[in-house]
Amino acid sequence: MLTRRFVFSGLIYLLFFAIQIMFVDQIHFSLGGFSIFLIFVLCWAALSAPEIGAVAGFAGGVLLDLDPSSAGPFGQWMLVLAIAGYGIAFLRFGDDSLRNSPLSLMILVAFGVIFSLGAYLLLSLLLGDDLGSAAQLARTILGNGLWTLAVAPFILPIVSRFHRIVFETRELL
C-alpha cells in the first residue's frame, strides 16, 4: 500500500513538474508570473498531515533543485520547501475552520508561496548570490503571491482529487 502511494505521488509530482517546465516557464507573465509546481507542492502539503507535508515539500524541493533554470546550490529548495510544507500542513491540520474552507486554503497557499520565495532569497543572500535590486525582488515575490491567488482556485480541485485518489483507499473486507 505504501509503495503504491509513493509511486502514484511521484508520477503526479513529475506530471506537474513537466507542466511547469514545458509550458508555464515558457510564458512571460507580468509581475513575475507564478509557479504551478510550487502551488501544487504547497497544496499537496496542506492537504496532508504535517509529517507528510514535510516529505511532500522535500520531494518538491528535490525536483526544483534538479530544474535546469535553478541557479542556487543543490539542496536549497529542499530545505525551504520541507520547512514550508511542514508549516503549512501544521497550520491547516490543527484547525478545523482552516481544514474545511477552500478559500482559507488558497490564502494559506499564497502566503506559503510568498514565504517560500522569501526564504529562498534570504538563503541566497546568506550564500552570497547576486540577486538584483530589492524593488525588483519585492515586485516578483508579491506578484507571485497575487498570481497564486488567481491561479489556485483552478489548481486546488485537481490537486485535491489527486490527493484523494492517492491517500484514501478502500479496504476490501
C-alpha atoms as a PDB file:
ATOM      1  CA  MET A   1       0.000   0.000   0.000  1.00  0.00           C
ATOM      2  CA  LEU A   2       2.807   2.397   0.886  1.00  0.00           C
ATOM      3  CA  THR A   3       4.634   1.618  -2.358  1.00  0.00           C
ATOM      4  CA  ARG A   4       1.519   2.437  -4.358  1.00  0.00           C
ATOM      5  CA  ARG A   5       1.238   5.809  -2.619  1.00  0.00           C
ATOM      6  CA  PHE A   6       4.883   6.654  -3.320  1.00  0.00           C
ATOM      7  CA  VAL A   7       4.680   5.617  -6.965  1.00  0.00           C
ATOM      8  CA  PHE A   8       1.435   7.472  -7.658  1.00  0.00           C
ATOM      9  CA  SER A   9       2.615  10.555  -5.764  1.00  0.00           C
ATOM     10  CA  GLY A  10       5.903  10.517  -7.675  1.00  0.00           C
ATOM     11  CA  LEU A  11       4.118  10.278 -11.009  1.00  0.00           C
ATOM     12  CA  ILE A  12       1.801  13.154 -10.117  1.00  0.00           C
ATOM     13  CA  TYR A  13       4.784  15.252  -8.989  1.00  0.00           C
ATOM     14  CA  LEU A  14       6.561  14.537 -12.267  1.00  0.00           C
ATOM     15  CA  LEU A  15       3.426  15.460 -14.228  1.00  0.00           C
ATOM     16  CA  PHE A  16       3.107  18.860 -12.555  1.00  0.00           C
ATOM     17  CA  PHE A  17       6.861  19.443 -12.809  1.00  0.00           C
ATOM     18  CA  ALA A  18       6.752  18.682 -16.540  1.00  0.00           C
ATOM     19  CA  ILE A  19       3.818  21.075 -16.995  1.00  0.00           C
ATOM     20  CA  GLN A  20       5.813  23.760 -15.173  1.00  0.00           C
ATOM     21  CA  ILE A  21       8.964  23.235 -17.231  1.00  0.00           C
ATOM     22  CA  MET A  22       7.346  22.740 -20.646  1.00  0.00           C
ATOM     23  CA  PHE A  23       4.527  25.262 -20.543  1.00  0.00           C
ATOM     24  CA  VAL A  24       4.405  27.724 -17.657  1.00  0.00           C
ATOM     25  CA  ASP A  25       8.116  28.608 -17.728  1.00  0.00           C
ATOM     26  CA  GLN A  26       7.849  29.434 -21.437  1.00  0.00           C
ATOM     27  CA  ILE A  27       5.243  32.181 -20.888  1.00  0.00           C
ATOM     28  CA  HIS A  28       6.333  35.562 -19.565  1.00  0.00           C
ATOM     29  CA  PHE A  29       3.747  36.978 -17.174  1.00  0.00           C
ATOM     30  CA  SER A  30       3.722  40.455 -15.708  1.00  0.00           C
ATOM     31  CA  LEU A  31       4.764  40.851 -12.062  1.00  0.00           C
ATOM     32  CA  GLY A  32       6.975  37.765 -12.187  1.00  0.00           C
ATOM     33  CA  GLY A  33       4.346  35.178 -13.031  1.00  0.00           C
ATOM     34  CA  PHE A  34       3.723  32.067 -10.957  1.00  0.00           C
ATOM     35  CA  SER A  35       4.952  28.548 -10.414  1.00  0.00           C
ATOM     36  CA  ILE A  36       2.260  25.927 -10.901  1.00  0.00           C
ATOM     37  CA  PHE A  37       4.596  23.346  -9.376  1.00  0.00           C
ATOM     38  CA  LEU A  38       5.158  25.403  -6.223  1.00  0.00           C
ATOM     39  CA  ILE A  39       1.396  25.888  -5.869  1.00  0.00           C
ATOM     40  CA  PHE A  40       0.894  22.148  -6.366  1.00  0.00           C
ATOM     41  CA  VAL A  41       3.508  21.178  -3.761  1.00  0.00           C
ATOM     42  CA  LEU A  42       2.104  23.541  -1.138  1.00  0.00           C
ATOM     43  CA  CYS A  43      -1.497  22.452  -1.835  1.00  0.00           C
ATOM     44  CA  TRP A  44      -0.438  18.802  -1.573  1.00  0.00           C
ATOM     45  CA  ALA A  45       1.334  19.516   1.709  1.00  0.00           C
ATOM     46  CA  ALA A  46      -1.638  21.468   3.075  1.00  0.00           C
ATOM     47  CA  LEU A  47      -3.969  18.552   2.376  1.00  0.00           C
ATOM     48  CA  SER A  48      -1.688  16.169   4.292  1.00  0.00           C
ATOM     49  CA  ALA A  49      -0.557  15.587   7.858  1.00  0.00           C
ATOM     50  CA  PRO A  50       2.474  17.662   8.956  1.00  0.00           C
ATOM     51  CA  GLU A  51       4.954  14.787   8.538  1.00  0.00           C
ATOM     52  CA  ILE A  52       3.665  14.026   5.044  1.00  0.00           C
ATOM     53  CA  GLY A  53       3.715  17.773   4.312  1.00  0.00           C
ATOM     54  CA  ALA A  54       7.420  17.907   5.124  1.00  0.00           C
ATOM     55  CA  VAL A  55       8.117  14.900   2.905  1.00  0.00           C
ATOM     56  CA  ALA A  56       5.978  16.415   0.131  1.00  0.00           C
ATOM     57  CA  GLY A  57       7.921  19.678   0.375  1.00  0.00           C
ATOM     58  CA  PHE A  58      11.227  17.816   0.400  1.00  0.00           C
ATOM     59  CA  ALA A  59      10.273  15.839  -2.729  1.00  0.00           C
ATOM     60  CA  GLY A  60       9.164  19.032  -4.470  1.00  0.00           C
ATOM     61  CA  GLY A  61      12.423  20.690  -3.457  1.00  0.00           C
ATOM     62  CA  VAL A  62      14.431  17.850  -5.000  1.00  0.00           C
ATOM     63  CA  LEU A  63      12.688  18.380  -8.324  1.00  0.00           C
ATOM     64  CA  LEU A  64      13.099  22.163  -8.163  1.00  0.00           C
ATOM     65  CA  ASP A  65      16.791  21.718  -7.374  1.00  0.00           C
ATOM     66  CA  LEU A  66      17.098  19.500 -10.461  1.00  0.00           C
ATOM     67  CA  ASP A  67      15.413  22.172 -12.615  1.00  0.00           C
ATOM     68  CA  PRO A  68      17.897  23.437 -15.224  1.00  0.00           C
ATOM     69  CA  SER A  69      16.862  27.047 -14.597  1.00  0.00           C
ATOM     70  CA  SER A  70      17.527  26.793 -10.841  1.00  0.00           C
ATOM     71  CA  ALA A  71      20.545  28.932 -10.055  1.00  0.00           C
ATOM     72  CA  GLY A  72      21.041  28.115  -6.378  1.00  0.00           C
ATOM     73  CA  PRO A  73      23.062  25.302  -4.844  1.00  0.00           C
ATOM     74  CA  PHE A  74      21.586  21.824  -4.693  1.00  0.00           C
ATOM     75  CA  GLY A  75      19.516  21.414  -1.544  1.00  0.00           C
ATOM     76  CA  GLN A  76      18.395  24.994  -1.145  1.00  0.00           C
ATOM     77  CA  TRP A  77      14.878  24.349  -2.464  1.00  0.00           C
ATOM     78  CA  MET A  78      14.744  21.091  -0.486  1.00  0.00           C
ATOM     79  CA  LEU A  79      15.334  22.939   2.775  1.00  0.00           C
ATOM     80  CA  VAL A  80      12.911  25.761   2.009  1.00  0.00           C
ATOM     81  CA  LEU A  81      10.069  23.541   0.798  1.00  0.00           C
ATOM     82  CA  ALA A  82      10.478  20.973   3.585  1.00  0.00           C
ATOM     83  CA  ILE A  83      10.040  23.776   6.137  1.00  0.00           C
ATOM     84  CA  ALA A  84       7.188  25.392   4.181  1.00  0.00           C
ATOM     85  CA  GLY A  85       5.452  22.039   3.625  1.00  0.00           C
ATOM     86  CA  TYR A  86       5.617  21.144   7.296  1.00  0.00           C
ATOM     87  CA  GLY A  87       4.491  24.621   8.339  1.00  0.00           C
ATOM     88  CA  ILE A  88       1.520  24.824   6.006  1.00  0.00           C
ATOM     89  CA  ALA A  89       0.402  21.290   6.893  1.00  0.00           C
ATOM     90  CA  PHE A  90       0.804  22.012  10.609  1.00  0.00           C
ATOM     91  CA  LEU A  91      -1.252  25.212  10.401  1.00  0.00           C
ATOM     92  CA  ARG A  92      -4.042  23.573   8.427  1.00  0.00           C
ATOM     93  CA  PHE A  93      -4.029  20.188  10.177  1.00  0.00           C
ATOM     94  CA  GLY A  94      -4.733  21.521  13.654  1.00  0.00           C
ATOM     95  CA  ASP A  95      -7.528  23.959  12.812  1.00  0.00           C
ATOM     96  CA  ASP A  96     -10.895  22.628  11.646  1.00  0.00           C
ATOM     97  CA  SER A  97     -12.004  26.027  10.336  1.00  0.00           C
ATOM     98  CA  LEU A  98      -8.978  26.107   8.020  1.00  0.00           C
ATOM     99  CA  ARG A  99      -9.394  22.466   7.019  1.00  0.00           C
ATOM    100  CA  ASN A 100     -12.986  22.880   5.846  1.00  0.00           C
ATOM    101  CA  SER A 101     -12.622  26.123   3.888  1.00  0.00           C
ATOM    102  CA  PRO A 102     -11.179  26.149   0.348  1.00  0.00           C
ATOM    103  CA  LEU A 103     -10.793  29.931   0.492  1.00  0.00           C
ATOM    104  CA  SER A 104      -8.552  29.684   3.538  1.00  0.00           C
ATOM    105  CA  LEU A 105      -6.507  27.010   1.741  1.00  0.00           C
ATOM    106  CA  MET A 106      -5.955  29.327  -1.231  1.00  0.00           C
ATOM    107  CA  ILE A 107      -4.893  32.201   1.020  1.00  0.00           C
ATOM    108  CA  LEU A 108      -2.640  29.890   3.049  1.00  0.00           C
ATOM    109  CA  VAL A 109      -1.005  28.593  -0.146  1.00  0.00           C
ATOM    110  CA  ALA A 110      -0.491  32.159  -1.427  1.00  0.00           C
ATOM    111  CA  PHE A 111       1.237  33.094   1.821  1.00  0.00           C
ATOM    112  CA  GLY A 112       3.197  29.840   1.592  1.00  0.00           C
ATOM    113  CA  VAL A 113       4.437  30.810  -1.872  1.00  0.00           C
ATOM    114  CA  ILE A 114       5.455  34.248  -0.609  1.00  0.00           C
ATOM    115  CA  PHE A 115       7.209  32.679   2.400  1.00  0.00           C
ATOM    116  CA  SER A 116       8.979  30.080   0.235  1.00  0.00           C
ATOM    117  CA  LEU A 117      10.272  32.634  -2.240  1.00  0.00           C
ATOM    118  CA  GLY A 118      11.300  34.982   0.558  1.00  0.00           C
ATOM    119  CA  ALA A 119      13.117  32.204   2.417  1.00  0.00           C
ATOM    120  CA  TYR A 120      14.824  31.114  -0.805  1.00  0.00           C
ATOM    121  CA  LEU A 121      16.003  34.685  -1.444  1.00  0.00           C
ATOM    122  CA  LEU A 122      17.166  35.068   2.157  1.00  0.00           C
ATOM    123  CA  LEU A 123      19.200  31.856   1.888  1.00  0.00           C
ATOM    124  CA  SER A 124      20.588  33.065  -1.437  1.00  0.00           C
ATOM    125  CA  LEU A 125      21.712  36.290   0.214  1.00  0.00           C
ATOM    126  CA  LEU A 126      23.342  34.336   3.041  1.00  0.00           C
ATOM    127  CA  LEU A 127      25.160  32.188   0.478  1.00  0.00           C
ATOM    128  CA  GLY A 128      26.432  35.257  -1.373  1.00  0.00           C
ATOM    129  CA  ASP A 129      24.411  35.090  -4.593  1.00  0.00           C
ATOM    130  CA  ASP A 130      23.899  38.256  -6.637  1.00  0.00           C
ATOM    131  CA  LEU A 131      20.124  38.734  -6.749  1.00  0.00           C
ATOM    132  CA  GLY A 132      19.433  42.149  -8.219  1.00  0.00           C
ATOM    133  CA  SER A 133      17.583  45.151  -6.844  1.00  0.00           C
ATOM    134  CA  ALA A 134      15.367  44.954  -3.788  1.00  0.00           C
ATOM    135  CA  ALA A 135      12.474  46.634  -5.619  1.00  0.00           C
ATOM    136  CA  GLN A 136      12.548  44.036  -8.396  1.00  0.00           C
ATOM    137  CA  LEU A 137      12.689  41.179  -5.873  1.00  0.00           C
ATOM    138  CA  ALA A 138       9.774  42.589  -3.855  1.00  0.00           C
ATOM    139  CA  ARG A 139       7.720  43.053  -7.023  1.00  0.00           C
ATOM    140  CA  THR A 140       8.431  39.486  -8.115  1.00  0.00           C
ATOM    141  CA  ILE A 141       7.551  37.964  -4.733  1.00  0.00           C
ATOM    142  CA  LEU A 142       4.317  39.951  -4.350  1.00  0.00           C
ATOM    143  CA  GLY A 143       3.444  39.286  -7.994  1.00  0.00           C
ATOM    144  CA  ASN A 144       3.873  35.553  -7.402  1.00  0.00           C
ATOM    145  CA  GLY A 145       1.545  35.805  -4.415  1.00  0.00           C
ATOM    146  CA  LEU A 146      -1.113  37.629  -6.448  1.00  0.00           C
ATOM    147  CA  TRP A 147      -0.798  35.195  -9.350  1.00  0.00           C
ATOM    148  CA  THR A 148      -1.111  32.327  -6.888  1.00  0.00           C
ATOM    149  CA  LEU A 149      -4.375  33.771  -5.581  1.00  0.00           C
ATOM    150  CA  ALA A 150      -5.621  33.996  -9.176  1.00  0.00           C
ATOM    151  CA  VAL A 151      -4.496  30.513 -10.277  1.00  0.00           C
ATOM    152  CA  ALA A 152      -5.023  28.456  -7.100  1.00  0.00           C
ATOM    153  CA  PRO A 153      -8.830  28.166  -7.483  1.00  0.00           C
ATOM    154  CA  PHE A 154      -8.265  26.272 -10.728  1.00  0.00           C
ATOM    155  CA  ILE A 155      -5.458  24.056  -9.427  1.00  0.00           C
ATOM    156  CA  LEU A 156      -6.919  23.235  -5.993  1.00  0.00           C
ATOM    157  CA  PRO A 157      -9.715  20.898  -7.226  1.00  0.00           C
ATOM    158  CA  ILE A 158      -7.244  18.962  -9.390  1.00  0.00           C
ATOM    159  CA  VAL A 159      -4.722  18.593  -6.574  1.00  0.00           C
ATOM    160  CA  SER A 160      -7.476  17.670  -4.132  1.00  0.00           C
ATOM    161  CA  ARG A 161      -8.767  14.938  -6.432  1.00  0.00           C
ATOM    162  CA  PHE A 162      -5.263  13.507  -6.987  1.00  0.00           C
ATOM    163  CA  HIS A 163      -4.609  13.632  -3.237  1.00  0.00           C
ATOM    164  CA  ARG A 164      -7.854  11.817  -2.540  1.00  0.00           C
ATOM    165  CA  ILE A 165      -7.027   9.131  -5.119  1.00  0.00           C
ATOM    166  CA  VAL A 166      -3.591   8.516  -3.613  1.00  0.00           C
ATOM    167  CA  PHE A 167      -4.333   8.663   0.104  1.00  0.00           C
ATOM    168  CA  GLU A 168      -7.907   7.485   0.506  1.00  0.00           C
ATOM    169  CA  THR A 169      -8.025   3.760  -0.019  1.00  0.00           C
ATOM    170  CA  ARG A 170     -10.961   1.449   0.162  1.00  0.00           C
ATOM    171  CA  GLU A 171     -10.168  -1.727   2.038  1.00  0.00           C
ATOM    172  CA  LEU A 172     -11.900  -4.901   0.965  1.00  0.00           C
ATOM    173  CA  LEU A 173     -13.375  -6.842   3.859  1.00  0.00           C
END
